Amino acid sequence: MRIGDLATKAQVSVRALRYYEEQGLLASTRSDSGQRHYGDKAVNRVQLIQQLYAAGLSSKTIAELLPCVDAGVSTPESRERLLAERDRINTQIADLILTRDRLNEIIDVTSRPNPQCDYV
């Protein structure tokens, strides 16, 4: 599929796809006229890259881990890296839960009628 088709299917910008290629995260072939073409698995690859970015991984880290993902095996180093990233994400989740709970408390307290706080 062409770059615009992949961008639409993966719900990312064409610019993002070009960046992923520059970073070595995504590969394409070129037609005789120089247009990029991607295989059917490219949509899943882009979605994985997006998830890893959203989880806070850098492009360098993603590039280091993708060969293990592609091969379906990990080295002791890559496994350690994956475990460390998972632990970091778990810590972020716990922190976000605490923040959400704190916000809920604030919402509850500030939802009570208070005649001194009339700023509608």
N, C-alpha and C. Protein backbone atom coordinates (compact mmCIF):
# COMPACT_ATOMS: atom_id res chain seq x y z
N MET A 1 0.84 -1.18 0.00
CA MET A 1 0.00 0.00 0.00
C MET A 1 0.89 1.25 0.00
N ARG A 2 0.35 2.33 -0.49
CA ARG A 2 1.11 3.57 -0.56
C ARG A 2 1.05 4.30 0.78
N ILE A 3 1.91 5.29 0.93
CA ILE A 3 2.07 5.97 2.21
C ILE A 3 0.77 6.62 2.69
N GLY A 4 0.01 7.22 1.78
CA GLY A 4 -1.25 7.84 2.17
C GLY A 4 -2.26 6.82 2.66
N ASP A 5 -2.28 5.66 2.04
CA ASP A 5 -3.18 4.59 2.46
C ASP A 5 -2.81 4.09 3.86
N LEU A 6 -1.51 3.90 4.07
CA LEU A 6 -1.06 3.45 5.39
C LEU A 6 -1.38 4.50 6.45
N ALA A 7 -1.16 5.75 6.14
CA ALA A 7 -1.45 6.82 7.09
C ALA A 7 -2.93 6.81 7.48
N THR A 8 -3.79 6.62 6.50
CA THR A 8 -5.23 6.58 6.76
C THR A 8 -5.59 5.36 7.61
N LYS A 9 -5.12 4.20 7.23
CA LYS A 9 -5.46 2.96 7.94
C LYS A 9 -4.91 2.95 9.36
N ALA A 10 -3.71 3.49 9.55
CA ALA A 10 -3.09 3.49 10.88
C ALA A 10 -3.46 4.72 11.69
N GLN A 11 -4.15 5.66 11.06
CA GLN A 11 -4.59 6.90 11.70
C GLN A 11 -3.41 7.72 12.24
N VAL A 12 -2.41 7.87 11.39
CA VAL A 12 -1.26 8.73 11.69
C VAL A 12 -1.01 9.62 10.49
N SER A 13 -0.16 10.59 10.66
CA SER A 13 0.16 11.47 9.54
C SER A 13 1.23 10.84 8.65
N VAL A 14 1.26 11.29 7.41
CA VAL A 14 2.30 10.88 6.48
C VAL A 14 3.66 11.29 7.03
N ARG A 15 3.70 12.44 7.65
CA ARG A 15 4.95 12.93 8.23
C ARG A 15 5.46 11.97 9.30
N ALA A 16 4.55 11.42 10.12
CA ALA A 16 4.94 10.46 11.15
C ALA A 16 5.55 9.22 10.51
N LEU A 17 4.96 8.76 9.45
CA LEU A 17 5.49 7.56 8.77
C LEU A 17 6.88 7.81 8.22
N ARG A 18 7.08 8.98 7.65
CA ARG A 18 8.42 9.32 7.14
C ARG A 18 9.43 9.37 8.30
N TYR A 19 9.00 9.93 9.42
CA TYR A 19 9.87 9.98 10.60
C TYR A 19 10.21 8.57 11.08
N TYR A 20 9.22 7.68 11.13
CA TYR A 20 9.48 6.31 11.55
C TYR A 20 10.50 5.64 10.65
N GLU A 21 10.43 5.92 9.37
CA GLU A 21 11.42 5.38 8.45
C GLU A 21 12.80 5.95 8.73
N GLU A 22 12.87 7.25 8.94
CA GLU A 22 14.16 7.89 9.24
C GLU A 22 14.80 7.29 10.48
N GLN A 23 13.97 6.91 11.45
CA GLN A 23 14.46 6.36 12.71
C GLN A 23 14.73 4.85 12.62
N GLY A 24 14.43 4.25 11.48
CA GLY A 24 14.66 2.82 11.30
C GLY A 24 13.59 1.94 11.93
N LEU A 25 12.42 2.52 12.21
CA LEU A 25 11.34 1.78 12.86
C LEU A 25 10.39 1.13 11.87
N LEU A 26 10.40 1.61 10.65
CA LEU A 26 9.46 1.16 9.63
C LEU A 26 10.21 1.11 8.30
N ALA A 27 9.93 0.08 7.52
CA ALA A 27 10.61 -0.06 6.23
C ALA A 27 9.59 -0.05 5.09
N SER A 28 10.04 0.46 3.98
CA SER A 28 9.21 0.46 2.77
C SER A 28 10.08 0.06 1.59
N THR A 29 9.41 -0.28 0.53
CA THR A 29 10.10 -0.46 -0.74
C THR A 29 9.74 0.74 -1.60
N ARG A 30 10.49 0.93 -2.65
CA ARG A 30 10.23 2.07 -3.54
C ARG A 30 9.85 1.57 -4.92
N SER A 31 8.88 2.22 -5.50
CA SER A 31 8.50 1.91 -6.88
C SER A 31 9.53 2.54 -7.81
N ASP A 32 9.43 2.25 -9.07
CA ASP A 32 10.35 2.84 -10.06
C ASP A 32 10.26 4.37 -10.04
N SER A 33 9.08 4.89 -9.70
CA SER A 33 8.91 6.35 -9.67
C SER A 33 9.28 6.93 -8.31
N GLY A 34 9.73 6.08 -7.37
CA GLY A 34 10.20 6.57 -6.07
C GLY A 34 9.14 6.61 -4.99
N GLN A 35 7.93 6.13 -5.29
CA GLN A 35 6.88 6.13 -4.26
C GLN A 35 7.12 5.01 -3.25
N ARG A 36 6.82 5.33 -2.00
CA ARG A 36 6.95 4.33 -0.94
C ARG A 36 5.79 3.35 -1.01
N HIS A 37 6.12 2.08 -0.75
CA HIS A 37 5.10 1.04 -0.67
C HIS A 37 5.36 0.20 0.57
N TYR A 38 4.27 -0.13 1.26
CA TYR A 38 4.35 -0.87 2.52
C TYR A 38 3.57 -2.17 2.41
N GLY A 39 4.02 -3.17 3.15
CA GLY A 39 3.33 -4.45 3.20
C GLY A 39 2.10 -4.38 4.08
N ASP A 40 1.31 -5.45 4.06
CA ASP A 40 0.07 -5.50 4.82
C ASP A 40 0.29 -5.41 6.33
N LYS A 41 1.44 -5.86 6.82
CA LYS A 41 1.71 -5.84 8.26
C LYS A 41 2.12 -4.46 8.77
N ALA A 42 2.27 -3.51 7.87
CA ALA A 42 2.74 -2.18 8.26
C ALA A 42 1.75 -1.48 9.18
N VAL A 43 0.45 -1.71 9.02
CA VAL A 43 -0.54 -1.06 9.88
C VAL A 43 -0.32 -1.50 11.33
N ASN A 44 -0.16 -2.80 11.54
CA ASN A 44 0.10 -3.30 12.90
C ASN A 44 1.41 -2.76 13.45
N ARG A 45 2.41 -2.66 12.61
CA ARG A 45 3.72 -2.15 13.03
C ARG A 45 3.58 -0.69 13.49
N VAL A 46 2.88 0.11 12.71
CA VAL A 46 2.70 1.53 13.06
C VAL A 46 1.90 1.65 14.36
N GLN A 47 0.87 0.83 14.52
CA GLN A 47 0.09 0.88 15.76
C GLN A 47 0.94 0.49 16.96
N LEU A 48 1.82 -0.49 16.80
CA LEU A 48 2.73 -0.85 17.89
C LEU A 48 3.67 0.31 18.21
N ILE A 49 4.23 0.91 17.20
CA ILE A 49 5.12 2.06 17.40
C ILE A 49 4.38 3.17 18.13
N GLN A 50 3.16 3.45 17.73
CA GLN A 50 2.35 4.48 18.38
C GLN A 50 2.12 4.14 19.86
N GLN A 51 1.81 2.89 20.14
CA GLN A 51 1.58 2.48 21.53
C GLN A 51 2.84 2.65 22.36
N LEU A 52 3.98 2.27 21.80
CA LEU A 52 5.23 2.38 22.54
C LEU A 52 5.59 3.85 22.78
N TYR A 53 5.37 4.70 21.77
CA TYR A 53 5.58 6.14 21.97
C TYR A 53 4.65 6.67 23.05
N ALA A 54 3.39 6.29 22.99
CA ALA A 54 2.41 6.76 23.97
C ALA A 54 2.77 6.31 25.38
N ALA A 55 3.45 5.18 25.49
CA ALA A 55 3.88 4.68 26.79
C ALA A 55 5.15 5.36 27.28
N GLY A 56 5.72 6.23 26.45
CA GLY A 56 6.88 7.01 26.87
C GLY A 56 8.22 6.48 26.40
N LEU A 57 8.24 5.47 25.55
CA LEU A 57 9.50 4.97 25.04
C LEU A 57 10.04 5.91 23.97
N SER A 58 11.34 6.04 23.93
CA SER A 58 11.97 6.90 22.92
C SER A 58 12.12 6.12 21.61
N SER A 59 12.35 6.84 20.53
CA SER A 59 12.55 6.17 19.25
C SER A 59 13.78 5.28 19.30
N LYS A 60 14.79 5.68 20.03
CA LYS A 60 16.01 4.86 20.16
C LYS A 60 15.68 3.55 20.86
N THR A 61 14.93 3.62 21.95
CA THR A 61 14.55 2.41 22.67
C THR A 61 13.69 1.51 21.81
N ILE A 62 12.73 2.11 21.11
CA ILE A 62 11.86 1.33 20.23
C ILE A 62 12.70 0.64 19.16
N ALA A 63 13.64 1.36 18.56
CA ALA A 63 14.49 0.78 17.53
C ALA A 63 15.31 -0.38 18.06
N GLU A 64 15.73 -0.28 19.31
CA GLU A 64 16.51 -1.37 19.92
C GLU A 64 15.65 -2.60 20.19
N LEU A 65 14.37 -2.39 20.48
CA LEU A 65 13.50 -3.50 20.86
C LEU A 65 12.79 -4.16 19.68
N LEU A 66 12.56 -3.44 18.61
CA LEU A 66 11.80 -3.99 17.49
C LEU A 66 12.42 -5.24 16.86
N PRO A 67 13.74 -5.34 16.74
CA PRO A 67 14.28 -6.59 16.19
C PRO A 67 13.90 -7.82 17.03
N CYS A 68 13.82 -7.66 18.33
CA CYS A 68 13.40 -8.76 19.19
C CYS A 68 11.92 -9.07 18.98
N VAL A 69 11.13 -8.02 18.80
CA VAL A 69 9.71 -8.21 18.51
C VAL A 69 9.55 -8.96 17.19
N ASP A 70 10.31 -8.54 16.18
CA ASP A 70 10.23 -9.16 14.86
C ASP A 70 10.65 -10.63 14.91
N ALA A 71 11.69 -10.93 15.67
CA ALA A 71 12.20 -12.30 15.76
C ALA A 71 11.38 -13.16 16.71
N GLY A 72 10.63 -12.52 17.59
CA GLY A 72 9.84 -13.26 18.57
C GLY A 72 10.68 -13.84 19.69
N VAL A 73 11.87 -13.30 19.88
CA VAL A 73 12.76 -13.74 20.96
C VAL A 73 13.42 -12.51 21.56
N SER A 74 13.98 -12.68 22.74
CA SER A 74 14.68 -11.56 23.36
C SER A 74 16.03 -12.02 23.88
N THR A 75 16.94 -11.09 23.91
CA THR A 75 18.22 -11.33 24.55
C THR A 75 18.05 -11.00 26.02
N PRO A 76 18.97 -11.41 26.86
CA PRO A 76 18.87 -11.01 28.27
C PRO A 76 18.82 -9.49 28.44
N GLU A 77 19.55 -8.77 27.61
CA GLU A 77 19.56 -7.31 27.69
C GLU A 77 18.22 -6.72 27.28
N SER A 78 17.67 -7.22 26.17
CA SER A 78 16.40 -6.66 25.71
C SER A 78 15.27 -7.03 26.67
N ARG A 79 15.34 -8.23 27.23
CA ARG A 79 14.32 -8.63 28.21
C ARG A 79 14.39 -7.73 29.44
N GLU A 80 15.60 -7.42 29.88
CA GLU A 80 15.78 -6.52 31.02
C GLU A 80 15.23 -5.14 30.69
N ARG A 81 15.46 -4.69 29.49
CA ARG A 81 14.96 -3.38 29.04
C ARG A 81 13.43 -3.37 29.02
N LEU A 82 12.84 -4.46 28.50
CA LEU A 82 11.38 -4.57 28.47
C LEU A 82 10.80 -4.57 29.88
N LEU A 83 11.43 -5.31 30.77
CA LEU A 83 10.95 -5.36 32.16
C LEU A 83 11.06 -3.99 32.83
N ALA A 84 12.16 -3.29 32.56
CA ALA A 84 12.34 -1.95 33.14
C ALA A 84 11.28 -0.99 32.61
N GLU A 85 10.98 -1.06 31.31
CA GLU A 85 9.95 -0.19 30.74
C GLU A 85 8.58 -0.53 31.32
N ARG A 86 8.30 -1.82 31.48
CA ARG A 86 7.03 -2.22 32.09
C ARG A 86 6.92 -1.68 33.51
N ASP A 87 8.01 -1.79 34.28
CA ASP A 87 7.99 -1.27 35.65
C ASP A 87 7.79 0.24 35.68
N ARG A 88 8.42 0.94 34.74
CA ARG A 88 8.26 2.39 34.66
C ARG A 88 6.80 2.74 34.35
N ILE A 89 6.20 2.00 33.43
CA ILE A 89 4.80 2.25 33.08
C ILE A 89 3.89 1.94 34.26
N ASN A 90 4.16 0.86 34.97
CA ASN A 90 3.36 0.52 36.15
C ASN A 90 3.44 1.62 37.20
N THR A 91 4.61 2.21 37.36
CA THR A 91 4.76 3.32 38.30
C THR A 91 3.96 4.53 37.82
N GLN A 92 3.99 4.80 36.54
CA GLN A 92 3.20 5.91 35.98
C GLN A 92 1.71 5.68 36.21
N ILE A 93 1.27 4.45 36.00
CA ILE A 93 -0.14 4.13 36.20
C ILE A 93 -0.53 4.36 37.65
N ALA A 94 0.30 3.90 38.57
CA ALA A 94 0.01 4.08 40.00
C ALA A 94 -0.04 5.57 40.34
N ASP A 95 0.89 6.34 39.80
CA ASP A 95 0.89 7.79 40.05
C ASP A 95 -0.36 8.45 39.46
N LEU A 96 -0.77 8.02 38.28
CA LEU A 96 -1.97 8.58 37.66
C LEU A 96 -3.22 8.23 38.46
N ILE A 97 -3.27 7.03 39.01
CA ILE A 97 -4.41 6.64 39.84
C ILE A 97 -4.49 7.52 41.08
N LEU A 98 -3.35 7.77 41.70
CA LEU A 98 -3.33 8.66 42.87
C LEU A 98 -3.79 10.06 42.50
N THR A 99 -3.34 10.55 41.36
CA THR A 99 -3.74 11.88 40.91
C THR A 99 -5.23 11.91 40.61
N ARG A 100 -5.75 10.89 39.95
CA ARG A 100 -7.18 10.82 39.68
C ARG A 100 -7.98 10.82 40.97
N ASP A 101 -7.55 10.02 41.95
CA ASP A 101 -8.25 9.95 43.22
C ASP A 101 -8.23 11.31 43.93
N ARG A 102 -7.11 11.99 43.84
CA ARG A 102 -7.00 13.33 44.44
C ARG A 102 -7.94 14.31 43.76
N LEU A 103 -8.01 14.24 42.44
CA LEU A 103 -8.93 15.10 41.71
C LEU A 103 -10.38 14.79 42.07
N ASN A 104 -10.70 13.52 42.24
CA ASN A 104 -12.06 13.15 42.66
C ASN A 104 -12.40 13.75 44.01
N GLU A 105 -11.43 13.74 44.91
CA GLU A 105 -11.65 14.35 46.23
C GLU A 105 -11.92 15.85 46.08
N ILE A 106 -11.14 16.51 45.25
CA ILE A 106 -11.31 17.95 45.03
C ILE A 106 -12.67 18.22 44.40
N ILE A 107 -13.05 17.41 43.45
CA ILE A 107 -14.37 17.58 42.81
C ILE A 107 -15.47 17.41 43.84
N ASP A 108 -15.36 16.40 44.69
CA ASP A 108 -16.37 16.17 45.72
C ASP A 108 -16.47 17.37 46.67
N VAL A 109 -15.33 17.84 47.12
CA VAL A 109 -15.32 18.95 48.08
C VAL A 109 -15.85 20.23 47.44
N THR A 110 -15.45 20.48 46.22
CA THR A 110 -15.86 21.73 45.57
C THR A 110 -17.26 21.66 44.97
N SER A 111 -17.86 20.49 44.98
CA SER A 111 -19.22 20.35 44.45
C SER A 111 -20.28 20.69 45.49
N ARG A 112 -19.87 20.81 46.74
CA ARG A 112 -20.82 21.16 47.81
C ARG A 112 -21.16 22.64 47.69
N PRO A 113 -22.42 23.00 47.92
CA PRO A 113 -22.80 24.40 47.85
C PRO A 113 -22.04 25.24 48.89
N ASN A 114 -21.55 26.36 48.46
CA ASN A 114 -20.84 27.26 49.37
C ASN A 114 -21.19 28.69 48.96
N PRO A 115 -21.96 29.37 49.78
CA PRO A 115 -22.39 30.73 49.40
C PRO A 115 -21.23 31.70 49.28
N GLN A 116 -20.09 31.43 49.93
CA GLN A 116 -18.95 32.34 49.84
C GLN A 116 -18.17 32.14 48.56
N CYS A 117 -18.50 31.12 47.83
CA CYS A 117 -17.72 30.78 46.62
C CYS A 117 -18.67 30.78 45.43
N ASP A 118 -19.22 31.93 45.12
CA ASP A 118 -20.22 32.06 44.06
C ASP A 118 -19.57 32.65 42.81
N TYR A 119 -18.94 31.82 42.02
CA TYR A 119 -18.24 32.29 40.82
C TYR A 119 -18.74 31.56 39.59
N VAL A 120 -20.04 31.64 39.37
CA VAL A 120 -20.64 30.97 38.21
C VAL A 120 -20.49 31.84 37.00
